Amino acid sequence: MSKMTVVNTVANSIMVLGFSAFLVFLFGRENSLMHKLGKANNIIVKGALSMCATVALYNAITMDSASGTGTLMNVSIAILFCWAAVFHYFRFVKGAESHTGMNKVEARKATKRVK
């Protein structure tokens, strides 16, 4: 097994985690803005993230060896989505309660009152 295959497999594994985290952060919270965008947008985003996660998982399981540029692209996407998931968590999930001055229970109650 070549070093490029190992790097590509690790990158694909990280992409699966990043895509999955984004699915949870965008659709797994009651106060997510995605719920206000409408059904068509939700289907597009869920479908795209799900397909990306599925393909990355398949590539990781089969230890698919991409070309040098393909591996570089996978590493870049893995880094981008890892950063985006961490940023989204601290800004919108964990940071939501610190910006409002409410704890999680109070934030949920306030969100339900708005709906």
N, C-alpha and C. Protein backbone atom coordinates (compact mmCIF):
# COMPACT_ATOMS: atom_id res chain seq x y z
N MET A 1 0.85 -1.17 0.00
CA MET A 1 0.00 0.00 0.00
C MET A 1 0.90 1.24 0.00
N SER A 2 0.60 2.16 -0.89
CA SER A 2 1.44 3.35 -1.02
C SER A 2 1.05 4.42 0.01
N LYS A 3 1.94 5.37 0.18
CA LYS A 3 1.67 6.47 1.12
C LYS A 3 0.49 7.31 0.64
N MET A 4 0.37 7.47 -0.67
CA MET A 4 -0.75 8.26 -1.21
C MET A 4 -2.09 7.60 -0.90
N THR A 5 -2.14 6.26 -0.93
CA THR A 5 -3.37 5.55 -0.60
C THR A 5 -3.73 5.77 0.86
N VAL A 6 -2.74 5.73 1.73
CA VAL A 6 -2.99 5.95 3.16
C VAL A 6 -3.48 7.38 3.39
N VAL A 7 -2.82 8.34 2.76
CA VAL A 7 -3.23 9.75 2.90
C VAL A 7 -4.65 9.94 2.38
N ASN A 8 -4.96 9.33 1.26
CA ASN A 8 -6.29 9.45 0.67
C ASN A 8 -7.34 8.79 1.57
N THR A 9 -7.02 7.66 2.16
CA THR A 9 -7.95 6.96 3.05
C THR A 9 -8.22 7.80 4.30
N VAL A 10 -7.18 8.38 4.87
CA VAL A 10 -7.35 9.23 6.05
C VAL A 10 -8.17 10.46 5.69
N ALA A 11 -7.88 11.07 4.55
CA ALA A 11 -8.64 12.25 4.11
C ALA A 11 -10.11 11.90 3.90
N ASN A 12 -10.39 10.76 3.29
CA ASN A 12 -11.79 10.34 3.10
C ASN A 12 -12.48 10.09 4.43
N SER A 13 -11.77 9.51 5.38
CA SER A 13 -12.35 9.27 6.71
C SER A 13 -12.69 10.58 7.40
N ILE A 14 -11.79 11.56 7.29
CA ILE A 14 -12.04 12.87 7.89
C ILE A 14 -13.20 13.57 7.18
N MET A 15 -13.31 13.38 5.87
CA MET A 15 -14.44 13.97 5.13
C MET A 15 -15.76 13.38 5.61
N VAL A 16 -15.80 12.09 5.87
CA VAL A 16 -17.03 11.47 6.37
C VAL A 16 -17.44 12.13 7.68
N LEU A 17 -16.47 12.33 8.58
CA LEU A 17 -16.77 12.97 9.85
C LEU A 17 -17.24 14.42 9.66
N GLY A 18 -16.57 15.15 8.78
CA GLY A 18 -16.95 16.54 8.54
C GLY A 18 -18.34 16.67 7.93
N PHE A 19 -18.63 15.87 6.92
CA PHE A 19 -19.95 15.91 6.28
C PHE A 19 -21.04 15.50 7.26
N SER A 20 -20.77 14.46 8.04
CA SER A 20 -21.75 13.98 9.02
C SER A 20 -22.00 15.03 10.11
N ALA A 21 -20.92 15.66 10.57
CA ALA A 21 -21.07 16.71 11.58
C ALA A 21 -21.92 17.85 11.04
N PHE A 22 -21.70 18.20 9.79
CA PHE A 22 -22.48 19.28 9.20
C PHE A 22 -23.95 18.89 9.10
N LEU A 23 -24.24 17.66 8.74
CA LEU A 23 -25.63 17.21 8.70
C LEU A 23 -26.28 17.36 10.06
N VAL A 24 -25.57 16.96 11.11
CA VAL A 24 -26.12 17.06 12.46
C VAL A 24 -26.29 18.52 12.86
N PHE A 25 -25.27 19.34 12.60
CA PHE A 25 -25.35 20.75 13.01
C PHE A 25 -26.43 21.51 12.25
N LEU A 26 -26.62 21.20 10.98
CA LEU A 26 -27.60 21.94 10.19
C LEU A 26 -29.03 21.46 10.39
N PHE A 27 -29.22 20.16 10.60
CA PHE A 27 -30.57 19.63 10.65
C PHE A 27 -30.95 18.99 11.98
N GLY A 28 -30.00 18.82 12.88
CA GLY A 28 -30.28 18.13 14.13
C GLY A 28 -30.65 19.05 15.29
N ARG A 29 -30.69 20.34 15.03
CA ARG A 29 -31.02 21.29 16.09
C ARG A 29 -32.34 21.97 15.79
N GLU A 30 -33.13 22.19 16.82
CA GLU A 30 -34.44 22.82 16.63
C GLU A 30 -34.32 24.26 16.15
N ASN A 31 -33.28 24.97 16.61
CA ASN A 31 -33.17 26.39 16.28
C ASN A 31 -32.28 26.66 15.06
N SER A 32 -32.04 25.64 14.25
CA SER A 32 -31.22 25.81 13.05
C SER A 32 -31.97 26.63 12.01
N LEU A 33 -31.24 27.51 11.35
CA LEU A 33 -31.85 28.33 10.30
C LEU A 33 -32.28 27.52 9.09
N MET A 34 -31.73 26.33 8.92
CA MET A 34 -32.08 25.50 7.77
C MET A 34 -33.57 25.14 7.76
N HIS A 35 -34.18 25.08 8.93
CA HIS A 35 -35.59 24.73 8.99
C HIS A 35 -36.48 25.83 8.43
N LYS A 36 -35.95 27.04 8.33
CA LYS A 36 -36.74 28.17 7.81
C LYS A 36 -36.57 28.35 6.31
N LEU A 37 -35.67 27.62 5.68
CA LEU A 37 -35.38 27.83 4.26
C LEU A 37 -36.31 27.10 3.31
N GLY A 38 -37.13 26.23 3.81
CA GLY A 38 -38.06 25.52 2.95
C GLY A 38 -37.60 24.11 2.61
N LYS A 39 -38.55 23.33 2.20
CA LYS A 39 -38.31 21.91 1.95
C LYS A 39 -37.34 21.66 0.79
N ALA A 40 -37.44 22.43 -0.28
CA ALA A 40 -36.57 22.22 -1.45
C ALA A 40 -35.10 22.44 -1.08
N ASN A 41 -34.82 23.52 -0.37
CA ASN A 41 -33.43 23.77 0.05
C ASN A 41 -32.93 22.69 1.00
N ASN A 42 -33.80 22.25 1.90
CA ASN A 42 -33.41 21.18 2.83
C ASN A 42 -33.06 19.90 2.09
N ILE A 43 -33.86 19.55 1.10
CA ILE A 43 -33.61 18.33 0.33
C ILE A 43 -32.30 18.44 -0.44
N ILE A 44 -32.05 19.60 -1.04
CA ILE A 44 -30.81 19.79 -1.80
C ILE A 44 -29.59 19.66 -0.90
N VAL A 45 -29.60 20.36 0.23
CA VAL A 45 -28.44 20.34 1.13
C VAL A 45 -28.26 18.97 1.76
N LYS A 46 -29.34 18.37 2.25
CA LYS A 46 -29.25 17.03 2.85
C LYS A 46 -28.76 16.02 1.82
N GLY A 47 -29.30 16.09 0.61
CA GLY A 47 -28.91 15.15 -0.44
C GLY A 47 -27.44 15.28 -0.81
N ALA A 48 -26.99 16.52 -0.99
CA ALA A 48 -25.59 16.75 -1.37
C ALA A 48 -24.64 16.30 -0.27
N LEU A 49 -24.91 16.67 0.97
CA LEU A 49 -24.03 16.25 2.06
C LEU A 49 -24.06 14.74 2.27
N SER A 50 -25.23 14.15 2.11
CA SER A 50 -25.35 12.69 2.27
C SER A 50 -24.59 11.94 1.18
N MET A 51 -24.71 12.42 -0.06
CA MET A 51 -23.98 11.78 -1.17
C MET A 51 -22.47 11.93 -0.98
N CYS A 52 -22.02 13.11 -0.58
CA CYS A 52 -20.59 13.31 -0.34
C CYS A 52 -20.08 12.39 0.77
N ALA A 53 -20.84 12.29 1.85
CA ALA A 53 -20.44 11.42 2.97
C ALA A 53 -20.42 9.96 2.54
N THR A 54 -21.41 9.56 1.74
CA THR A 54 -21.48 8.17 1.29
C THR A 54 -20.31 7.81 0.37
N VAL A 55 -19.99 8.69 -0.56
CA VAL A 55 -18.87 8.43 -1.47
C VAL A 55 -17.55 8.42 -0.72
N ALA A 56 -17.38 9.36 0.22
CA ALA A 56 -16.15 9.39 1.01
C ALA A 56 -16.03 8.13 1.86
N LEU A 57 -17.14 7.67 2.42
CA LEU A 57 -17.11 6.44 3.22
C LEU A 57 -16.75 5.24 2.35
N TYR A 58 -17.34 5.16 1.16
CA TYR A 58 -17.02 4.07 0.24
C TYR A 58 -15.54 4.10 -0.13
N ASN A 59 -15.01 5.29 -0.43
CA ASN A 59 -13.59 5.40 -0.78
C ASN A 59 -12.69 5.03 0.39
N ALA A 60 -13.11 5.38 1.60
CA ALA A 60 -12.30 5.03 2.78
C ALA A 60 -12.33 3.52 3.03
N ILE A 61 -13.49 2.91 2.88
CA ILE A 61 -13.61 1.47 3.14
C ILE A 61 -12.83 0.66 2.10
N THR A 62 -12.93 1.06 0.84
CA THR A 62 -12.25 0.32 -0.22
C THR A 62 -10.79 0.74 -0.38
N MET A 63 -10.36 1.75 0.40
CA MET A 63 -9.00 2.28 0.33
C MET A 63 -8.66 2.65 -1.12
N ASP A 64 -9.58 3.38 -1.70
CA ASP A 64 -9.42 3.83 -3.09
C ASP A 64 -8.19 4.72 -3.22
N SER A 65 -7.40 4.45 -4.22
CA SER A 65 -6.20 5.27 -4.44
C SER A 65 -6.48 6.21 -5.60
N ALA A 66 -6.53 7.48 -5.29
CA ALA A 66 -6.76 8.50 -6.31
C ALA A 66 -5.42 8.95 -6.87
N SER A 67 -5.48 9.73 -7.93
CA SER A 67 -4.26 10.30 -8.48
C SER A 67 -3.71 11.32 -7.48
N GLY A 68 -2.56 11.85 -7.76
CA GLY A 68 -1.95 12.84 -6.87
C GLY A 68 -2.83 14.06 -6.68
N THR A 69 -3.40 14.54 -7.77
CA THR A 69 -4.28 15.72 -7.66
C THR A 69 -5.59 15.37 -6.97
N GLY A 70 -6.08 14.16 -7.18
CA GLY A 70 -7.30 13.72 -6.51
C GLY A 70 -7.09 13.61 -5.00
N THR A 71 -5.93 13.10 -4.60
CA THR A 71 -5.61 13.01 -3.18
C THR A 71 -5.48 14.39 -2.58
N LEU A 72 -4.83 15.30 -3.31
CA LEU A 72 -4.69 16.68 -2.83
C LEU A 72 -6.06 17.34 -2.67
N MET A 73 -6.95 17.08 -3.61
CA MET A 73 -8.31 17.62 -3.52
C MET A 73 -9.03 17.05 -2.30
N ASN A 74 -8.90 15.75 -2.06
CA ASN A 74 -9.54 15.13 -0.90
C ASN A 74 -9.00 15.68 0.41
N VAL A 75 -7.68 15.88 0.49
CA VAL A 75 -7.09 16.46 1.69
C VAL A 75 -7.60 17.88 1.90
N SER A 76 -7.70 18.65 0.83
CA SER A 76 -8.19 20.02 0.92
C SER A 76 -9.64 20.06 1.39
N ILE A 77 -10.48 19.21 0.84
CA ILE A 77 -11.88 19.15 1.25
C ILE A 77 -12.00 18.71 2.70
N ALA A 78 -11.19 17.74 3.11
CA ALA A 78 -11.21 17.26 4.48
C ALA A 78 -10.85 18.39 5.45
N ILE A 79 -9.80 19.14 5.13
CA ILE A 79 -9.39 20.26 5.99
C ILE A 79 -10.49 21.32 6.03
N LEU A 80 -11.05 21.65 4.88
CA LEU A 80 -12.09 22.67 4.80
C LEU A 80 -13.31 22.30 5.63
N PHE A 81 -13.80 21.08 5.48
CA PHE A 81 -15.00 20.69 6.20
C PHE A 81 -14.74 20.46 7.68
N CYS A 82 -13.53 20.06 8.05
CA CYS A 82 -13.19 19.97 9.48
C CYS A 82 -13.22 21.35 10.10
N TRP A 83 -12.57 22.30 9.44
CA TRP A 83 -12.58 23.67 9.94
C TRP A 83 -14.00 24.21 10.02
N ALA A 84 -14.79 23.99 8.97
CA ALA A 84 -16.15 24.51 8.93
C ALA A 84 -17.02 23.89 10.03
N ALA A 85 -16.85 22.61 10.28
CA ALA A 85 -17.64 21.95 11.33
C ALA A 85 -17.25 22.49 12.71
N VAL A 86 -15.96 22.66 12.96
CA VAL A 86 -15.52 23.20 14.24
C VAL A 86 -16.01 24.65 14.40
N PHE A 87 -15.87 25.46 13.35
CA PHE A 87 -16.34 26.85 13.39
C PHE A 87 -17.84 26.89 13.65
N HIS A 88 -18.59 26.07 12.91
CA HIS A 88 -20.05 26.05 13.06
C HIS A 88 -20.43 25.65 14.48
N TYR A 89 -19.73 24.67 15.03
CA TYR A 89 -20.03 24.24 16.40
C TYR A 89 -19.83 25.39 17.39
N PHE A 90 -18.66 26.02 17.34
CA PHE A 90 -18.37 27.07 18.31
C PHE A 90 -19.19 28.34 18.07
N ARG A 91 -19.54 28.63 16.85
CA ARG A 91 -20.28 29.86 16.54
C ARG A 91 -21.78 29.69 16.71
N PHE A 92 -22.34 28.58 16.24
CA PHE A 92 -23.79 28.45 16.20
C PHE A 92 -24.36 27.47 17.22
N VAL A 93 -23.61 26.47 17.61
CA VAL A 93 -24.14 25.48 18.56
C VAL A 93 -23.77 25.89 19.98
N LYS A 94 -22.50 25.86 20.29
CA LYS A 94 -22.06 26.21 21.63
C LYS A 94 -22.15 27.72 21.86
N GLY A 95 -21.82 28.51 20.86
CA GLY A 95 -21.83 29.96 20.99
C GLY A 95 -23.21 30.57 21.03
N ALA A 96 -24.22 29.83 20.62
CA ALA A 96 -25.57 30.38 20.59
C ALA A 96 -26.04 30.75 21.98
N GLU A 97 -25.71 29.95 22.97
CA GLU A 97 -26.17 30.26 24.32
C GLU A 97 -25.36 31.40 24.93
N SER A 98 -24.08 31.52 24.58
CA SER A 98 -23.30 32.61 25.17
C SER A 98 -23.67 33.96 24.54
N HIS A 99 -24.10 33.97 23.27
CA HIS A 99 -24.48 35.22 22.63
C HIS A 99 -25.85 35.70 23.10
N THR A 100 -26.71 34.80 23.49
CA THR A 100 -28.05 35.19 23.92
C THR A 100 -28.11 35.41 25.42
N GLY A 101 -27.12 34.92 26.14
CA GLY A 101 -27.15 35.03 27.59
C GLY A 101 -28.07 34.00 28.22
N MET A 102 -28.55 33.05 27.44
CA MET A 102 -29.45 32.02 27.93
C MET A 102 -28.72 30.68 27.96
N ASN A 103 -29.19 29.80 28.82
CA ASN A 103 -28.65 28.45 28.77
C ASN A 103 -29.44 27.68 27.71
N LYS A 104 -29.09 26.42 27.51
CA LYS A 104 -29.70 25.64 26.43
C LYS A 104 -31.21 25.47 26.61
N VAL A 105 -31.64 25.24 27.84
CA VAL A 105 -33.07 25.03 28.09
C VAL A 105 -33.85 26.31 27.79
N GLU A 106 -33.33 27.45 28.24
CA GLU A 106 -34.00 28.72 27.97
C GLU A 106 -34.02 29.04 26.48
N ALA A 107 -32.93 28.72 25.78
CA ALA A 107 -32.87 28.97 24.34
C ALA A 107 -33.90 28.13 23.60
N ARG A 108 -34.08 26.88 24.01
CA ARG A 108 -35.08 26.01 23.37
C ARG A 108 -36.49 26.56 23.59
N LYS A 109 -36.77 27.00 24.83
CA LYS A 109 -38.09 27.55 25.12
C LYS A 109 -38.35 28.81 24.30
N ALA A 110 -37.34 29.65 24.17
CA ALA A 110 -37.49 30.88 23.38
C ALA A 110 -37.72 30.56 21.91
N THR A 111 -37.03 29.55 21.39
CA THR A 111 -37.20 29.15 20.00
C THR A 111 -38.60 28.62 19.77
N LYS A 112 -39.14 27.85 20.70
CA LYS A 112 -40.49 27.31 20.55
C LYS A 112 -41.52 28.43 20.59
N ARG A 113 -41.29 29.47 21.38
CA ARG A 113 -42.23 30.59 21.45
C ARG A 113 -42.28 31.36 20.13
N VAL A 114 -41.15 31.45 19.45
CA VAL A 114 -41.08 32.19 18.18
C VAL A 114 -41.85 31.46 17.09
N LYS A 115 -41.80 30.14 17.09
CA LYS A 115 -42.48 29.34 16.07
C LYS A 115 -43.94 29.48 16.27
